[in-house]
Amino acid sequence: MTAEMQAPTQTVPFELAAADDEKDHSDLAVGDSLQRIVRFDLQSEGNHVLAVSITYTETASEDQNESRSRTRTFRKLYQFIAAPCLSVRTKVSEFPVQEHRNEKRSQTKPASFALEAQLENMADGLITLEKVAFSPKPSFNTSSINWDVSWPGTGKMECPFLMPRDLTQVAFLIKQQPDWKQSKSQVETTKDGRIILGITASSFLAGALYSISFLGVPAILVGKSNAFLLASRWHSIFSVGQKVGPTLAILGTVSYLFVGRGKYHSKYDSRVWKSFVGAAVATMGIIPFTFIFMKPTNDALLAQTAKTTLSETEVRALVEKWASLNLVRSGMLMIGTALGLYGAL
């Protein structure tokens, strides 16, 4: 016996469990029954199909001395539609902040909000609302102003019930915590343009280096030429990158480090600070990579622009080697950009 759930997004096979009062056996005598239990957590709405397949072997006696076995299989489908029982519509309103005359204008009071929610019974049966809760972020406190609150002189209210298509209103009072200034400064670290600036700088530089290796270098190597002309063409590309590359790398690294620092000190964003630190390391890593691995090739090509001492074949090989190393730098920047996007999302 096998079973699977065909959901709108995926097909999930089941592990069938025996009933509490039933042994896990596969042989059935005449008149016996076999029961299995499936458990499935509905995570998506829409049409669902429970497919159950049964394979069994029956033995029939033809005479006293001979018997014959026959294997049979059949499949049964159970179709149902999963829909939400409750429809929730929300509305948030901010209370105006009242300032006193003796308070400084630069001091901003914590904000207060009212969250209103409209609940509608979308099911076909009765729904009883035992409790409605709202879970805010750590920098906010919430208070319920619904039936679960005991008001003076009124006693405890009964839980409301909703008939099909009935509506009810619930509300919550939301206030910032007393240490809201510290939380606000931490959140502002990531709400400025530093994330966008870091991702833009590293991705732009990655694309520029990639284009140089795959478009610029092949263009200067096309056709016959001499060693001095090849070195001069390479130098024109090198000089432009030398002016722009380090600036963008440092700009992206500093942006990622500032954002990572803010995420590290934030209560609810500390899990992603490592992504931005990794993005900063990958972005800044192209500078030591250039000095360690590419400097000998750069010096050899720069020397050819002043005085040609190598043949055209040797210069061409140096340019191709430089393009390959430059492609590695582009890959490092792509990794940094991917880590920055992961932290931002």
Protein backbone atom coordinates (compact mmCIF):
# COMPACT_ATOMS: atom_id res chain seq x y z
CA MET A 1 0.00 0.00 0.00
CA THR A 2 1.44 3.36 -1.08
CA ALA A 3 0.05 6.89 -1.06
CA GLU A 4 1.05 10.29 -2.33
CA MET A 5 -0.39 13.80 -2.26
CA GLN A 6 -0.51 15.65 -5.56
CA ALA A 7 -0.46 19.32 -4.48
CA PRO A 8 -0.53 22.31 -6.88
CA THR A 9 3.21 22.89 -6.43
CA GLN A 10 4.64 19.43 -5.78
CA THR A 11 3.94 15.72 -5.30
CA VAL A 12 4.71 14.38 -1.82
CA PRO A 13 4.97 10.64 -1.10
CA PHE A 14 3.70 9.43 2.31
CA GLU A 15 5.09 7.12 4.92
CA LEU A 16 2.08 5.08 5.96
CA ALA A 17 1.68 4.48 9.70
CA ALA A 18 -0.27 1.65 11.27
CA ALA A 19 -3.23 2.37 13.54
CA ASP A 20 -2.67 2.26 17.28
CA ASP A 21 -4.63 -0.95 17.77
CA GLU A 22 -3.32 -2.69 14.66
CA LYS A 23 -0.19 -4.69 14.12
CA ASP A 24 2.05 -3.98 11.18
CA HIS A 25 1.38 -7.05 9.05
CA SER A 26 0.73 -7.71 5.41
CA ASP A 27 -1.13 -11.05 5.43
CA LEU A 28 -4.91 -10.82 5.69
CA ALA A 29 -7.19 -13.72 6.53
CA VAL A 30 -10.74 -13.92 5.29
CA GLY A 31 -12.73 -11.11 6.87
CA ASP A 32 -9.69 -9.17 8.17
CA SER A 33 -9.03 -5.51 7.38
CA LEU A 34 -5.92 -3.38 7.11
CA GLN A 35 -5.82 0.29 8.06
CA ARG A 36 -3.08 2.87 7.50
CA ILE A 37 -2.87 6.51 8.53
CA VAL A 38 -1.38 9.35 6.48
CA ARG A 39 -0.38 12.74 7.84
CA PHE A 40 0.08 15.79 5.63
CA ASP A 41 0.63 19.45 6.48
CA LEU A 42 -1.32 21.66 4.07
CA GLN A 43 1.01 24.45 3.00
CA SER A 44 -0.61 25.62 -0.22
CA GLU A 45 -4.08 26.41 -1.42
CA GLY A 46 -5.85 24.90 -4.38
CA ASN A 47 -6.76 21.49 -5.71
CA HIS A 48 -5.21 18.46 -3.96
CA VAL A 49 -5.42 14.80 -4.94
CA LEU A 50 -4.68 11.93 -2.56
CA ALA A 51 -3.61 8.93 -4.67
CA VAL A 52 -3.65 5.51 -2.97
CA SER A 53 -2.26 2.43 -4.71
CA ILE A 54 -2.94 -1.11 -3.49
CA THR A 55 -1.05 -4.17 -4.67
CA TYR A 56 -2.11 -7.54 -3.32
CA THR A 57 -1.72 -11.22 -4.09
CA GLU A 58 -4.59 -13.65 -3.72
CA THR A 59 -4.24 -17.40 -3.69
CA ALA A 60 -7.02 -19.53 -5.09
CA SER A 61 -7.15 -23.32 -4.70
CA GLU A 62 -8.17 -25.10 -7.87
CA ASP A 63 -8.21 -28.57 -6.32
CA GLN A 64 -6.86 -30.31 -3.28
CA ASN A 65 -3.30 -30.53 -4.59
CA GLU A 66 -2.82 -27.34 -6.70
CA SER A 67 -3.20 -23.63 -5.94
CA ARG A 68 -2.78 -20.54 -8.11
CA SER A 69 -1.57 -17.03 -7.09
CA ARG A 70 -2.72 -13.85 -8.79
CA THR A 71 -1.30 -10.37 -8.21
CA ARG A 72 -3.60 -7.39 -8.67
CA THR A 73 -3.16 -3.64 -8.39
CA PHE A 74 -5.71 -0.88 -8.24
CA ARG A 75 -5.47 2.86 -7.62
CA LYS A 76 -7.99 5.18 -6.04
CA LEU A 77 -8.02 8.98 -6.08
CA TYR A 78 -9.51 11.31 -3.47
CA GLN A 79 -9.82 14.90 -4.65
CA PHE A 80 -10.40 17.93 -2.41
CA ILE A 81 -9.80 21.66 -2.49
CA ALA A 82 -7.75 23.36 0.23
CA ALA A 83 -8.89 26.89 0.97
CA PRO A 84 -8.15 29.26 3.88
CA CYS A 85 -10.69 29.25 6.67
CA LEU A 86 -10.15 32.92 7.46
CA SER A 87 -9.59 35.92 5.24
CA VAL A 88 -7.61 38.71 6.92
CA ARG A 89 -7.51 42.35 5.81
CA THR A 90 -5.42 44.83 7.79
CA LYS A 91 -5.14 48.57 8.14
CA VAL A 92 -2.50 50.53 10.10
CA SER A 93 -3.03 54.06 11.43
CA GLU A 94 -0.40 56.18 13.18
CA PHE A 95 -1.34 58.28 16.20
CA PRO A 96 -0.15 61.90 16.10
CA VAL A 97 2.77 62.61 18.44
CA GLN A 98 2.03 65.32 21.00
CA GLU A 99 5.01 67.49 21.89
CA HIS A 100 5.24 69.58 25.06
CA ARG A 101 6.64 73.08 25.13
CA ASN A 102 9.50 72.28 27.50
CA GLU A 103 10.78 69.48 25.27
CA LYS A 104 13.43 70.05 22.65
CA ARG A 105 12.35 69.84 19.06
CA SER A 106 15.22 67.52 18.21
CA GLN A 107 13.83 64.90 20.59
CA THR A 108 11.35 62.71 18.77
CA LYS A 109 8.89 60.65 20.77
CA PRO A 110 8.31 56.95 20.12
CA ALA A 111 5.57 56.40 17.57
CA SER A 112 2.28 54.65 18.31
CA PHE A 113 0.10 52.80 15.84
CA ALA A 114 -3.31 51.15 15.72
CA LEU A 115 -3.56 47.92 13.76
CA GLU A 116 -7.08 47.02 12.65
CA ALA A 117 -7.86 43.66 11.11
CA GLN A 118 -11.05 42.41 9.50
CA LEU A 119 -11.60 38.65 9.75
CA GLU A 120 -14.02 36.84 7.46
CA ASN A 121 -15.11 33.22 7.77
CA MET A 122 -14.41 31.59 4.40
CA ALA A 123 -15.27 28.06 5.54
CA ASP A 124 -18.60 26.28 5.29
CA GLY A 125 -18.97 25.76 9.04
CA LEU A 126 -18.92 27.66 12.30
CA ILE A 127 -15.60 29.13 13.56
CA THR A 128 -15.01 30.15 17.17
CA LEU A 129 -12.25 32.68 17.75
CA GLU A 130 -10.52 31.71 20.98
CA LYS A 131 -7.56 34.09 20.64
CA VAL A 132 -6.15 36.53 18.10
CA ALA A 133 -2.52 37.57 18.61
CA PHE A 134 -0.08 39.89 16.87
CA SER A 135 3.70 39.26 17.00
CA PRO A 136 5.66 42.49 16.42
CA LYS A 137 9.36 42.99 15.81
CA PRO A 138 11.63 43.29 18.87
CA SER A 139 11.64 47.10 18.77
CA PHE A 140 7.85 47.28 19.32
CA ASN A 141 5.38 46.34 22.06
CA THR A 142 1.79 45.38 21.34
CA SER A 143 -1.39 45.40 23.42
CA SER A 144 -4.64 43.66 22.54
CA ILE A 145 -7.90 45.60 22.79
CA ASN A 146 -10.16 42.69 21.92
CA TRP A 147 -12.43 40.30 23.80
CA ASP A 148 -9.52 38.56 25.53
CA VAL A 149 -8.89 41.68 27.64
CA SER A 150 -10.79 42.06 30.93
CA TRP A 151 -12.22 45.55 31.17
CA PRO A 152 -13.13 46.99 34.60
CA GLY A 153 -16.74 46.28 35.47
CA THR A 154 -17.42 44.11 32.44
CA GLY A 155 -15.90 40.79 33.43
CA LYS A 156 -14.64 38.25 30.94
CA MET A 157 -16.24 38.40 27.51
CA GLU A 158 -17.29 35.32 25.58
CA CYS A 159 -15.33 34.23 22.55
CA PRO A 160 -17.00 35.38 19.35
CA PHE A 161 -18.12 32.91 16.72
CA LEU A 162 -18.41 33.42 12.99
CA MET A 163 -20.97 31.83 10.74
CA PRO A 164 -20.00 31.30 7.08
CA ARG A 165 -19.20 34.66 5.43
CA ASP A 166 -19.53 36.53 8.76
CA LEU A 167 -17.14 39.41 9.54
CA THR A 168 -15.57 40.65 12.75
CA GLN A 169 -13.10 43.38 13.65
CA VAL A 170 -10.02 43.07 15.89
CA ALA A 171 -7.49 45.74 16.86
CA PHE A 172 -4.09 46.08 18.51
CA LEU A 173 -2.20 49.03 19.98
CA ILE A 174 1.47 49.09 18.90
CA LYS A 175 4.11 51.26 20.60
CA GLN A 176 7.84 51.61 20.16
CA GLN A 177 10.00 50.48 23.06
CA PRO A 178 11.60 53.09 25.35
CA ASP A 179 15.04 52.38 23.81
CA TRP A 180 13.65 53.14 20.36
CA LYS A 181 16.49 55.61 19.60
CA GLN A 182 19.12 52.89 19.67
CA SER A 183 17.01 50.57 17.53
CA LYS A 184 16.31 53.38 15.09
CA SER A 185 20.00 54.18 14.64
CA GLN A 186 20.72 50.54 13.98
CA VAL A 187 17.93 50.24 11.42
CA GLU A 188 18.98 53.46 9.68
CA THR A 189 22.39 51.91 9.05
CA THR A 190 20.79 49.53 6.57
CA LYS A 191 18.02 51.79 5.29
CA ASP A 192 20.40 54.25 3.61
CA GLY A 193 21.96 53.66 0.24
CA ARG A 194 24.95 51.64 1.43
CA ILE A 195 23.54 48.28 0.35
CA ILE A 196 22.63 49.64 -3.08
CA LEU A 197 25.98 51.41 -3.36
CA GLY A 198 27.98 48.30 -2.50
CA ILE A 199 26.04 46.01 -4.85
CA THR A 200 26.19 48.57 -7.66
CA ALA A 201 29.94 49.13 -7.30
CA SER A 202 30.90 45.44 -7.19
CA SER A 203 28.50 44.38 -9.95
CA PHE A 204 29.56 47.25 -12.25
CA LEU A 205 33.24 46.45 -11.79
CA ALA A 206 32.61 42.72 -12.27
CA GLY A 207 30.82 43.38 -15.55
CA ALA A 208 33.53 45.78 -16.72
CA LEU A 209 36.35 43.29 -16.07
CA TYR A 210 34.35 40.50 -17.68
CA SER A 211 33.80 42.62 -20.80
CA ILE A 212 37.49 43.45 -21.03
CA SER A 213 38.51 39.78 -20.96
CA PHE A 214 35.84 38.54 -23.39
CA LEU A 215 35.40 41.56 -25.66
CA GLY A 216 38.29 44.00 -25.33
CA VAL A 217 41.27 41.63 -25.36
CA PRO A 218 40.04 39.47 -28.29
CA ALA A 219 39.53 42.67 -30.29
CA ILE A 220 43.12 43.83 -29.89
CA LEU A 221 44.45 40.36 -30.74
CA VAL A 222 42.61 40.10 -34.05
CA GLY A 223 44.78 40.08 -37.14
CA LYS A 224 48.53 40.41 -37.53
CA SER A 225 50.40 43.06 -35.60
CA ASN A 226 53.76 43.74 -33.98
CA ALA A 227 54.78 43.47 -30.34
CA PHE A 228 54.81 47.24 -29.71
CA LEU A 229 51.32 47.76 -31.16
CA LEU A 230 49.87 44.91 -29.11
CA ALA A 231 51.41 46.25 -25.92
CA SER A 232 50.16 49.76 -26.69
CA ARG A 233 46.62 48.56 -27.26
CA TRP A 234 46.70 46.60 -24.02
CA HIS A 235 48.07 49.65 -22.19
CA SER A 236 45.09 51.76 -23.30
CA ILE A 237 42.71 49.27 -21.67
CA PHE A 238 44.95 48.86 -18.61
CA SER A 239 45.21 52.61 -17.94
CA VAL A 240 41.42 53.06 -17.87
CA GLY A 241 40.92 50.14 -15.51
CA GLN A 242 43.74 51.33 -13.28
CA LYS A 243 41.95 54.62 -12.69
CA VAL A 244 38.43 53.26 -12.07
CA GLY A 245 38.95 49.74 -10.66
CA PRO A 246 40.53 50.47 -7.25
CA THR A 247 38.04 53.25 -6.52
CA LEU A 248 35.02 51.02 -7.16
CA ALA A 249 36.56 48.13 -5.21
CA ILE A 250 37.23 50.30 -2.15
CA LEU A 251 33.80 51.94 -2.43
CA GLY A 252 32.02 48.57 -2.52
CA THR A 253 34.14 47.15 0.31
CA VAL A 254 33.49 50.09 2.65
CA SER A 255 29.76 49.98 1.92
CA TYR A 256 29.56 46.24 2.65
CA LEU A 257 31.56 46.65 5.88
CA PHE A 258 29.32 49.43 7.18
CA VAL A 259 26.19 47.43 6.42
CA GLY A 260 27.69 44.28 7.96
CA ARG A 261 28.53 46.21 11.12
CA GLY A 262 24.95 47.44 11.41
CA LYS A 263 23.57 43.94 10.82
CA TYR A 264 25.91 42.52 13.48
CA HIS A 265 24.58 44.87 16.16
CA SER A 266 20.95 44.56 15.07
CA LYS A 267 18.73 42.21 17.05
CA TYR A 268 16.84 40.85 14.08
CA ASP A 269 19.42 41.14 11.31
CA SER A 270 22.46 39.58 12.99
CA ARG A 271 22.02 36.34 11.00
CA VAL A 272 23.06 37.98 7.71
CA TRP A 273 26.06 40.07 8.77
CA LYS A 274 28.42 37.34 7.61
CA SER A 275 27.13 37.70 4.03
CA PHE A 276 28.13 41.35 3.89
CA VAL A 277 31.51 40.69 5.49
CA GLY A 278 32.08 37.95 2.92
CA ALA A 279 31.05 40.35 0.15
CA ALA A 280 33.57 42.92 1.46
CA VAL A 281 36.36 40.33 1.56
CA ALA A 282 35.60 39.10 -1.98
CA THR A 283 35.44 42.66 -3.34
CA MET A 284 38.61 43.90 -1.64
CA GLY A 285 40.37 40.63 -2.50
CA ILE A 286 40.96 41.71 -6.09
CA ILE A 287 43.54 44.29 -4.92
CA PRO A 288 45.98 41.84 -3.25
CA PHE A 289 45.26 39.37 -6.07
CA THR A 290 46.42 41.98 -8.57
CA PHE A 291 49.66 42.69 -6.71
CA ILE A 292 50.48 39.04 -6.01
CA PHE A 293 49.49 37.26 -9.23
CA MET A 294 49.11 39.92 -11.94
CA LYS A 295 51.93 42.35 -11.20
CA PRO A 296 54.66 40.33 -12.98
CA THR A 297 52.52 40.15 -16.13
CA ASN A 298 51.64 43.85 -15.86
CA ASP A 299 55.30 44.85 -15.47
CA ALA A 300 56.34 42.75 -18.47
CA LEU A 301 53.68 44.32 -20.71
CA LEU A 302 54.39 47.84 -19.46
CA ALA A 303 58.04 47.36 -20.29
CA GLN A 304 57.12 46.52 -23.88
CA THR A 305 55.39 49.88 -24.31
CA ALA A 306 58.68 51.68 -23.61
CA LYS A 307 61.09 49.35 -25.37
CA THR A 308 60.22 46.24 -27.33
CA THR A 309 62.36 43.27 -26.28
CA LEU A 310 59.92 40.40 -26.88
CA SER A 311 58.46 38.95 -30.04
CA GLU A 312 54.87 39.31 -31.13
CA THR A 313 54.08 35.74 -30.07
CA GLU A 314 55.45 36.33 -26.57
CA VAL A 315 53.53 39.59 -26.12
CA ARG A 316 50.38 37.94 -27.40
CA ALA A 317 50.81 35.15 -24.82
CA LEU A 318 51.26 37.72 -22.04
CA VAL A 319 48.09 39.54 -23.06
CA GLU A 320 46.11 36.28 -23.10
CA LYS A 321 47.48 35.37 -19.66
CA TRP A 322 46.51 38.80 -18.35
CA ALA A 323 42.96 38.33 -19.71
CA SER A 324 42.63 35.00 -17.89
CA LEU A 325 43.82 36.48 -14.59
CA ASN A 326 41.51 39.43 -15.10
CA LEU A 327 38.63 36.99 -15.51
CA VAL A 328 39.43 35.56 -12.07
CA ARG A 329 39.07 39.05 -10.61
CA SER A 330 35.69 39.37 -12.28
CA GLY A 331 34.62 36.07 -10.70
CA MET A 332 35.65 37.30 -7.24
CA LEU A 333 33.54 40.42 -7.71
CA MET A 334 30.58 38.32 -8.88
CA ILE A 335 30.84 36.29 -5.68
CA GLY A 336 30.89 39.50 -3.65
CA THR A 337 27.82 40.78 -5.48
CA ALA A 338 25.96 37.50 -4.91
CA LEU A 339 26.75 37.60 -1.18
CA GLY A 340 25.56 41.21 -1.00
CA LEU A 341 22.30 40.33 -2.74
CA TYR A 342 21.82 37.36 -0.40
CA GLY A 343 22.23 39.59 2.64
CA ALA A 344 19.89 42.23 1.22
CA LEU A 345 17.15 39.72 0.44
